[in-house]
Amino acid sequence: MGREDEHIRWYLKPVIVLLLLFIVLGPFALPLLYKSPKFNKTLKILLTVVVVIYTLYLVFVSLEIGREVYREMKELQDTSAIH
């Protein structure tokens, strides 16, 4: 583990790649996943699918939150116009 890990750049190490995929960069970190020698082909494909689904979920939730905020703002605007 020691000698082999020394030759891998810090941003290609598995823990860093996973953090970048799921917390920091999302799908923009996929090139780092595919460059990392520590993940096999099956795991790369699986992680790609999971990241895409996770990203779509986050987009959907963000849109729902935006719609709800818009509805609340519209309702507040309507009630303040009446008074």
PDB file of N, CA and C in Angstrom:
ATOM      1  N   MET A   1       0.819  -1.195   0.000  1.00  0.00           N
ATOM      2  CA  MET A   1       0.000   0.000   0.000  1.00  0.00           C
ATOM      3  C   MET A   1       0.857   1.251   0.000  1.00  0.00           C
ATOM      4  N   GLY A   2       1.961   1.262   0.711  1.00  0.00           N
ATOM      5  CA  GLY A   2       2.783   2.450   0.868  1.00  0.00           C
ATOM      6  C   GLY A   2       3.432   2.940  -0.414  1.00  0.00           C
ATOM      7  N   ARG A   3       4.243   2.099  -1.049  1.00  0.00           N
ATOM      8  CA  ARG A   3       4.990   2.506  -2.246  1.00  0.00           C
ATOM      9  C   ARG A   3       4.068   2.855  -3.406  1.00  0.00           C
ATOM     10  N   GLU A   4       3.055   2.042  -3.606  1.00  0.00           N
ATOM     11  CA  GLU A   4       2.135   2.227  -4.727  1.00  0.00           C
ATOM     12  C   GLU A   4       1.325   3.517  -4.572  1.00  0.00           C
ATOM     13  N   ASP A   5       0.893   3.823  -3.351  1.00  0.00           N
ATOM     14  CA  ASP A   5       0.093   5.022  -3.094  1.00  0.00           C
ATOM     15  C   ASP A   5       0.892   6.307  -3.257  1.00  0.00           C
ATOM     16  N   GLU A   6       2.208   6.243  -3.077  1.00  0.00           N
ATOM     17  CA  GLU A   6       3.043   7.440  -3.204  1.00  0.00           C
ATOM     18  C   GLU A   6       3.058   7.967  -4.636  1.00  0.00           C
ATOM     19  N   HIS A   7       2.831   7.112  -5.621  1.00  0.00           N
ATOM     20  CA  HIS A   7       2.900   7.520  -7.021  1.00  0.00           C
ATOM     21  C   HIS A   7       1.575   8.061  -7.550  1.00  0.00           C
ATOM     22  N   ILE A   8       0.521   7.939  -6.754  1.00  0.00           N
ATOM     23  CA  ILE A   8      -0.796   8.419  -7.173  1.00  0.00           C
ATOM     24  C   ILE A   8      -0.977   9.849  -6.681  1.00  0.00           C
ATOM     25  N   ARG A   9      -1.369  10.723  -7.574  1.00  0.00           N
ATOM     26  CA  ARG A   9      -1.609  12.116  -7.190  1.00  0.00           C
ATOM     27  C   ARG A   9      -2.729  12.175  -6.160  1.00  0.00           C
ATOM     28  N   TRP A  10      -2.688  13.174  -5.295  1.00  0.00           N
ATOM     29  CA  TRP A  10      -3.657  13.276  -4.197  1.00  0.00           C
ATOM     30  C   TRP A  10      -5.093  13.332  -4.690  1.00  0.00           C
ATOM     31  N   TYR A  11      -5.336  13.992  -5.819  1.00  0.00           N
ATOM     32  CA  TYR A  11      -6.698  14.145  -6.314  1.00  0.00           C
ATOM     33  C   TYR A  11      -7.224  12.905  -7.039  1.00  0.00           C
ATOM     34  N   LEU A  12      -6.412  11.872  -7.156  1.00  0.00           N
ATOM     35  CA  LEU A  12      -6.853  10.609  -7.758  1.00  0.00           C
ATOM     36  C   LEU A  12      -7.016   9.502  -6.723  1.00  0.00           C
ATOM     37  N   LYS A  13      -6.771   9.817  -5.463  1.00  0.00           N
ATOM     38  CA  LYS A  13      -6.945   8.830  -4.400  1.00  0.00           C
ATOM     39  C   LYS A  13      -8.434   8.600  -4.170  1.00  0.00           C
ATOM     40  N   PRO A  14      -8.817   7.361  -3.866  1.00  0.00           N
ATOM     41  CA  PRO A  14     -10.243   7.013  -3.770  1.00  0.00           C
ATOM     42  C   PRO A  14     -11.070   7.895  -2.838  1.00  0.00           C
ATOM     43  N   VAL A  15     -10.585   8.183  -1.645  1.00  0.00           N
ATOM     44  CA  VAL A  15     -11.371   8.992  -0.705  1.00  0.00           C
ATOM     45  C   VAL A  15     -11.606  10.391  -1.274  1.00  0.00           C
ATOM     46  N   ILE A  16     -10.597  10.970  -1.860  1.00  0.00           N
ATOM     47  CA  ILE A  16     -10.721  12.315  -2.429  1.00  0.00           C
ATOM     48  C   ILE A  16     -11.683  12.305  -3.614  1.00  0.00           C
ATOM     49  N   VAL A  17     -11.556  11.305  -4.471  1.00  0.00           N
ATOM     50  CA  VAL A  17     -12.443  11.203  -5.639  1.00  0.00           C
ATOM     51  C   VAL A  17     -13.901  11.070  -5.190  1.00  0.00           C
ATOM     52  N   LEU A  18     -14.148  10.245  -4.182  1.00  0.00           N
ATOM     53  CA  LEU A  18     -15.518  10.071  -3.694  1.00  0.00           C
ATOM     54  C   LEU A  18     -16.060  11.356  -3.068  1.00  0.00           C
ATOM     55  N   LEU A  19     -15.232  12.054  -2.310  1.00  0.00           N
ATOM     56  CA  LEU A  19     -15.656  13.344  -1.751  1.00  0.00           C
ATOM     57  C   LEU A  19     -15.979  14.342  -2.862  1.00  0.00           C
ATOM     58  N   LEU A  20     -15.142  14.388  -3.866  1.00  0.00           N
ATOM     59  CA  LEU A  20     -15.384  15.302  -4.982  1.00  0.00           C
ATOM     60  C   LEU A  20     -16.648  14.918  -5.748  1.00  0.00           C
ATOM     61  N   LEU A  21     -16.892  13.620  -5.912  1.00  0.00           N
ATOM     62  CA  LEU A  21     -18.074  13.159  -6.641  1.00  0.00           C
ATOM     63  C   LEU A  21     -19.375  13.491  -5.920  1.00  0.00           C
ATOM     64  N   PHE A  22     -19.405  13.255  -4.606  1.00  0.00           N
ATOM     65  CA  PHE A  22     -20.677  13.339  -3.895  1.00  0.00           C
ATOM     66  C   PHE A  22     -20.875  14.605  -3.075  1.00  0.00           C
ATOM     67  N   ILE A  23     -19.832  15.383  -2.840  1.00  0.00           N
ATOM     68  CA  ILE A  23     -19.999  16.565  -2.000  1.00  0.00           C
ATOM     69  C   ILE A  23     -19.596  17.855  -2.714  1.00  0.00           C
ATOM     70  N   VAL A  24     -18.516  17.836  -3.454  1.00  0.00           N
ATOM     71  CA  VAL A  24     -17.970  19.084  -3.998  1.00  0.00           C
ATOM     72  C   VAL A  24     -18.369  19.342  -5.451  1.00  0.00           C
ATOM     73  N   LEU A  25     -18.003  18.459  -6.346  1.00  0.00           N
ATOM     74  CA  LEU A  25     -18.142  18.733  -7.780  1.00  0.00           C
ATOM     75  C   LEU A  25     -19.248  17.963  -8.488  1.00  0.00           C
ATOM     76  N   GLY A  26     -19.717  16.894  -7.891  1.00  0.00           N
ATOM     77  CA  GLY A  26     -20.742  16.086  -8.543  1.00  0.00           C
ATOM     78  C   GLY A  26     -20.235  15.482  -9.834  1.00  0.00           C
ATOM     79  N   PRO A  27     -21.023  15.581 -10.901  1.00  0.00           N
ATOM     80  CA  PRO A  27     -20.635  14.937 -12.158  1.00  0.00           C
ATOM     81  C   PRO A  27     -19.385  15.548 -12.803  1.00  0.00           C
ATOM     82  N   PHE A  28     -19.001  16.736 -12.372  1.00  0.00           N
ATOM     83  CA  PHE A  28     -17.782  17.342 -12.917  1.00  0.00           C
ATOM     84  C   PHE A  28     -16.517  16.618 -12.444  1.00  0.00           C
ATOM     85  N   ALA A  29     -16.650  15.759 -11.442  1.00  0.00           N
ATOM     86  CA  ALA A  29     -15.514  14.977 -10.951  1.00  0.00           C
ATOM     87  C   ALA A  29     -15.390  13.619 -11.649  1.00  0.00           C
ATOM     88  N   LEU A  30     -16.300  13.313 -12.567  1.00  0.00           N
ATOM     89  CA  LEU A  30     -16.233  12.020 -13.262  1.00  0.00           C
ATOM     90  C   LEU A  30     -14.919  11.801 -14.014  1.00  0.00           C
ATOM     91  N   PRO A  31     -14.332  12.814 -14.648  1.00  0.00           N
ATOM     92  CA  PRO A  31     -13.024  12.569 -15.285  1.00  0.00           C
ATOM     93  C   PRO A  31     -11.954  12.112 -14.289  1.00  0.00           C
ATOM     94  N   LEU A  32     -12.013  12.627 -13.068  1.00  0.00           N
ATOM     95  CA  LEU A  32     -11.052  12.188 -12.053  1.00  0.00           C
ATOM     96  C   LEU A  32     -11.292  10.723 -11.685  1.00  0.00           C
ATOM     97  N   LEU A  33     -12.548  10.333 -11.630  1.00  0.00           N
ATOM     98  CA  LEU A  33     -12.879   8.935 -11.357  1.00  0.00           C
ATOM     99  C   LEU A  33     -12.279   8.034 -12.430  1.00  0.00           C
ATOM    100  N   TYR A  34     -12.423   8.426 -13.683  1.00  0.00           N
ATOM    101  CA  TYR A  34     -11.937   7.577 -14.777  1.00  0.00           C
ATOM    102  C   TYR A  34     -10.423   7.603 -14.912  1.00  0.00           C
ATOM    103  N   LYS A  35      -9.766   8.648 -14.396  1.00  0.00           N
ATOM    104  CA  LYS A  35      -8.305   8.687 -14.421  1.00  0.00           C
ATOM    105  C   LYS A  35      -7.686   7.937 -13.247  1.00  0.00           C
ATOM    106  N   SER A  36      -8.450   7.759 -12.185  1.00  0.00           N
ATOM    107  CA  SER A  36      -7.918   7.111 -10.985  1.00  0.00           C
ATOM    108  C   SER A  36      -7.661   5.628 -11.236  1.00  0.00           C
ATOM    109  N   PRO A  37      -6.449   5.166 -10.956  1.00  0.00           N
ATOM    110  CA  PRO A  37      -6.126   3.745 -11.159  1.00  0.00           C
ATOM    111  C   PRO A  37      -6.664   2.844 -10.051  1.00  0.00           C
ATOM    112  N   LYS A  38      -7.189   3.403  -8.996  1.00  0.00           N
ATOM    113  CA  LYS A  38      -7.646   2.627  -7.848  1.00  0.00           C
ATOM    114  C   LYS A  38      -9.048   2.047  -8.014  1.00  0.00           C
ATOM    115  N   PHE A  39      -9.798   2.484  -9.018  1.00  0.00           N
ATOM    116  CA  PHE A  39     -11.150   1.973  -9.247  1.00  0.00           C
ATOM    117  C   PHE A  39     -11.131   1.059 -10.469  1.00  0.00           C
ATOM    118  N   ASN A  40     -11.782  -0.104 -10.355  1.00  0.00           N
ATOM    119  CA  ASN A  40     -11.863  -0.979 -11.530  1.00  0.00           C
ATOM    120  C   ASN A  40     -13.004  -0.508 -12.436  1.00  0.00           C
ATOM    121  N   LYS A  41     -13.078  -1.090 -13.623  1.00  0.00           N
ATOM    122  CA  LYS A  41     -14.042  -0.645 -14.639  1.00  0.00           C
ATOM    123  C   LYS A  41     -15.489  -0.769 -14.144  1.00  0.00           C
ATOM    124  N   THR A  42     -15.811  -1.873 -13.497  1.00  0.00           N
ATOM    125  CA  THR A  42     -17.172  -2.086 -13.003  1.00  0.00           C
ATOM    126  C   THR A  42     -17.555  -1.030 -11.976  1.00  0.00           C
ATOM    127  N   LEU A  43     -16.651  -0.736 -11.058  1.00  0.00           N
ATOM    128  CA  LEU A  43     -16.907   0.263 -10.028  1.00  0.00           C
ATOM    129  C   LEU A  43     -17.035   1.663 -10.633  1.00  0.00           C
ATOM    130  N   LYS A  44     -16.244   1.944 -11.648  1.00  0.00           N
ATOM    131  CA  LYS A  44     -16.338   3.244 -12.324  1.00  0.00           C
ATOM    132  C   LYS A  44     -17.715   3.423 -12.966  1.00  0.00           C
ATOM    133  N   ILE A  45     -18.197   2.385 -13.614  1.00  0.00           N
ATOM    134  CA  ILE A  45     -19.518   2.452 -14.253  1.00  0.00           C
ATOM    135  C   ILE A  45     -20.607   2.583 -13.198  1.00  0.00           C
ATOM    136  N   LEU A  46     -20.513   1.795 -12.144  1.00  0.00           N
ATOM    137  CA  LEU A  46     -21.501   1.860 -11.061  1.00  0.00           C
ATOM    138  C   LEU A  46     -21.525   3.246 -10.415  1.00  0.00           C
ATOM    139  N   LEU A  47     -20.363   3.782 -10.105  1.00  0.00           N
ATOM    140  CA  LEU A  47     -20.292   5.119  -9.501  1.00  0.00           C
ATOM    141  C   LEU A  47     -20.819   6.193 -10.447  1.00  0.00           C
ATOM    142  N   THR A  48     -20.576   6.037 -11.735  1.00  0.00           N
ATOM    143  CA  THR A  48     -21.101   6.991 -12.711  1.00  0.00           C
ATOM    144  C   THR A  48     -22.622   6.997 -12.685  1.00  0.00           C
ATOM    145  N   VAL A  49     -23.221   5.822 -12.680  1.00  0.00           N
ATOM    146  CA  VAL A  49     -24.686   5.720 -12.638  1.00  0.00           C
ATOM    147  C   VAL A  49     -25.224   6.338 -11.347  1.00  0.00           C
ATOM    148  N   VAL A  50     -24.587   6.024 -10.230  1.00  0.00           N
ATOM    149  CA  VAL A  50     -25.036   6.568  -8.941  1.00  0.00           C
ATOM    150  C   VAL A  50     -24.916   8.086  -8.919  1.00  0.00           C
ATOM    151  N   VAL A  51     -23.829   8.628  -9.431  1.00  0.00           N
ATOM    152  CA  VAL A  51     -23.641  10.085  -9.452  1.00  0.00           C
ATOM    153  C   VAL A  51     -24.673  10.752 -10.356  1.00  0.00           C
ATOM    154  N   VAL A  52     -24.967  10.162 -11.489  1.00  0.00           N
ATOM    155  CA  VAL A  52     -25.977  10.735 -12.388  1.00  0.00           C
ATOM    156  C   VAL A  52     -27.350  10.728 -11.721  1.00  0.00           C
ATOM    157  N   ILE A  53     -27.716   9.628 -11.091  1.00  0.00           N
ATOM    158  CA  ILE A  53     -29.012   9.551 -10.393  1.00  0.00           C
ATOM    159  C   ILE A  53     -29.051  10.552  -9.243  1.00  0.00           C
ATOM    160  N   TYR A  54     -27.993  10.623  -8.477  1.00  0.00           N
ATOM    161  CA  TYR A  54     -27.886  11.561  -7.356  1.00  0.00           C
ATOM    162  C   TYR A  54     -28.009  13.008  -7.842  1.00  0.00           C
ATOM    163  N   THR A  55     -27.352  13.321  -8.933  1.00  0.00           N
ATOM    164  CA  THR A  55     -27.413  14.674  -9.487  1.00  0.00           C
ATOM    165  C   THR A  55     -28.816  15.000  -9.979  1.00  0.00           C
ATOM    166  N   LEU A  56     -29.448  14.070 -10.678  1.00  0.00           N
ATOM    167  CA  LEU A  56     -30.823  14.296 -11.137  1.00  0.00           C
ATOM    168  C   LEU A  56     -31.771  14.498  -9.959  1.00  0.00           C
ATOM    169  N   TYR A  57     -31.574  13.732  -8.904  1.00  0.00           N
ATOM    170  CA  TYR A  57     -32.386  13.890  -7.699  1.00  0.00           C
ATOM    171  C   TYR A  57     -32.199  15.288  -7.105  1.00  0.00           C
ATOM    172  N   LEU A  58     -30.957  15.727  -6.999  1.00  0.00           N
ATOM    173  CA  LEU A  58     -30.690  17.064  -6.447  1.00  0.00           C
ATOM    174  C   LEU A  58     -31.288  18.173  -7.314  1.00  0.00           C
ATOM    175  N   VAL A  59     -31.241  18.015  -8.621  1.00  0.00           N
ATOM    176  CA  VAL A  59     -31.846  18.995  -9.525  1.00  0.00           C
ATOM    177  C   VAL A  59     -33.363  19.017  -9.314  1.00  0.00           C
ATOM    178  N   PHE A  60     -33.971  17.844  -9.228  1.00  0.00           N
ATOM    179  CA  PHE A  60     -35.413  17.764  -9.021  1.00  0.00           C
ATOM    180  C   PHE A  60     -35.814  18.416  -7.694  1.00  0.00           C
ATOM    181  N   VAL A  61     -35.099  18.109  -6.629  1.00  0.00           N
ATOM    182  CA  VAL A  61     -35.401  18.690  -5.316  1.00  0.00           C
ATOM    183  C   VAL A  61     -35.206  20.207  -5.350  1.00  0.00           C
ATOM    184  N   SER A  62     -34.167  20.676  -6.006  1.00  0.00           N
ATOM    185  CA  SER A  62     -33.930  22.118  -6.110  1.00  0.00           C
ATOM    186  C   SER A  62     -35.069  22.812  -6.855  1.00  0.00           C
ATOM    187  N   LEU A  63     -35.547  22.195  -7.914  1.00  0.00           N
ATOM    188  CA  LEU A  63     -36.674  22.770  -8.654  1.00  0.00           C
ATOM    189  C   LEU A  63     -37.933  22.811  -7.795  1.00  0.00           C
ATOM    190  N   GLU A  64     -38.178  21.759  -7.043  1.00  0.00           N
ATOM    191  CA  GLU A  64     -39.344  21.739  -6.152  1.00  0.00           C
ATOM    192  C   GLU A  64     -39.243  22.817  -5.078  1.00  0.00           C
ATOM    193  N   ILE A  65     -38.072  23.005  -4.520  1.00  0.00           N
ATOM    194  CA  ILE A  65     -37.874  24.059  -3.524  1.00  0.00           C
ATOM    195  C   ILE A  65     -38.104  25.425  -4.157  1.00  0.00           C
ATOM    196  N   GLY A  66     -37.585  25.623  -5.352  1.00  0.00           N
ATOM    197  CA  GLY A  66     -37.791  26.882  -6.067  1.00  0.00           C
ATOM    198  C   GLY A  66     -39.258  27.154  -6.330  1.00  0.00           C
ATOM    199  N   ARG A  67     -39.987  26.127  -6.733  1.00  0.00           N
ATOM    200  CA  ARG A  67     -41.430  26.294  -6.966  1.00  0.00           C
ATOM    201  C   ARG A  67     -42.162  26.659  -5.680  1.00  0.00           C
ATOM    202  N   GLU A  68     -41.811  26.003  -4.599  1.00  0.00           N
ATOM    203  CA  GLU A  68     -42.457  26.281  -3.312  1.00  0.00           C
ATOM    204  C   GLU A  68     -42.149  27.705  -2.836  1.00  0.00           C
ATOM    205  N   VAL A  69     -40.922  28.133  -2.988  1.00  0.00           N
ATOM    206  CA  VAL A  69     -40.557  29.506  -2.615  1.00  0.00           C
ATOM    207  C   VAL A  69     -41.326  30.499  -3.478  1.00  0.00           C
ATOM    208  N   TYR A  70     -41.441  30.214  -4.765  1.00  0.00           N
ATOM    209  CA  TYR A  70     -42.199  31.091  -5.661  1.00  0.00           C
ATOM    210  C   TYR A  70     -43.661  31.183  -5.225  1.00  0.00           C
ATOM    211  N   ARG A  71     -44.263  30.029  -4.883  1.00  0.00           N
ATOM    212  CA  ARG A  71     -45.658  30.025  -4.416  1.00  0.00           C
ATOM    213  C   ARG A  71     -45.815  30.850  -3.136  1.00  0.00           C
ATOM    214  N   GLU A  72     -44.903  30.682  -2.209  1.00  0.00           N
ATOM    215  CA  GLU A  72     -44.966  31.437  -0.954  1.00  0.00           C
ATOM    216  C   GLU A  72     -44.812  32.939  -1.199  1.00  0.00           C
ATOM    217  N   MET A  73     -43.894  33.300  -2.074  1.00  0.00           N
ATOM    218  CA  MET A  73     -43.696  34.724  -2.390  1.00  0.00           C
ATOM    219  C   MET A  73     -44.936  35.301  -3.058  1.00  0.00           C
ATOM    220  N   LYS A  74     -45.516  34.558  -3.964  1.00  0.00           N
ATOM    221  CA  LYS A  74     -46.734  34.992  -4.651  1.00  0.00           C
ATOM    222  C   LYS A  74     -47.873  35.176  -3.651  1.00  0.00           C
ATOM    223  N   GLU A  75     -47.997  34.233  -2.724  1.00  0.00           N
ATOM    224  CA  GLU A  75     -49.033  34.319  -1.702  1.00  0.00           C
ATOM    225  C   GLU A  75     -48.818  35.537  -0.803  1.00  0.00           C
ATOM    226  N   LEU A  76     -47.592  35.782  -0.397  1.00  0.00           N
ATOM    227  CA  LEU A  76     -47.291  36.959   0.425  1.00  0.00           C
ATOM    228  C   LEU A  76     -47.565  38.250  -0.339  1.00  0.00           C
ATOM    229  N   GLN A  77     -47.232  38.243  -1.602  1.00  0.00           N
ATOM    230  CA  GLN A  77     -47.470  39.412  -2.441  1.00  0.00           C
ATOM    231  C   GLN A  77     -48.974  39.677  -2.570  1.00  0.00           C
ATOM    232  N   ASP A  78     -49.744  38.634  -2.756  1.00  0.00           N
ATOM    233  CA  ASP A  78     -51.192  38.770  -2.876  1.00  0.00           C
ATOM    234  C   ASP A  78     -51.829  39.272  -1.577  1.00  0.00           C
ATOM    235  N   THR A  79     -51.352  38.775  -0.444  1.00  0.00           N
ATOM    236  CA  THR A  79     -51.933  39.198   0.836  1.00  0.00           C
ATOM    237  C   THR A  79     -51.535  40.640   1.164  1.00  0.00           C
ATOM    238  N   SER A  80     -50.353  41.056   0.764  1.00  0.00           N
ATOM    239  CA  SER A  80     -49.955  42.439   1.054  1.00  0.00           C
ATOM    240  C   SER A  80     -50.659  43.415   0.108  1.00  0.00           C
ATOM    241  N   ALA A  81     -51.054  42.975  -1.052  1.00  0.00           N
ATOM    242  CA  ALA A  81     -51.780  43.832  -1.986  1.00  0.00           C
ATOM    243  C   ALA A  81     -53.211  44.092  -1.526  1.00  0.00           C
ATOM    244  N   ILE A  82     -53.763  43.133  -0.785  1.00  0.00           N
ATOM    245  CA  ILE A  82     -55.133  43.275  -0.291  1.00  0.00           C
ATOM    246  C   ILE A  82     -55.180  44.318   0.824  1.00  0.00           C
ATOM    247  N   HIS A  83     -54.192  44.374   1.682  1.00  0.00           N
ATOM    248  CA  HIS A  83     -54.204  45.301   2.821  1.00  0.00           C
ATOM    249  C   HIS A  83     -53.760  46.618   2.380  1.00  0.00           C
TER     250      HIS A  83
END
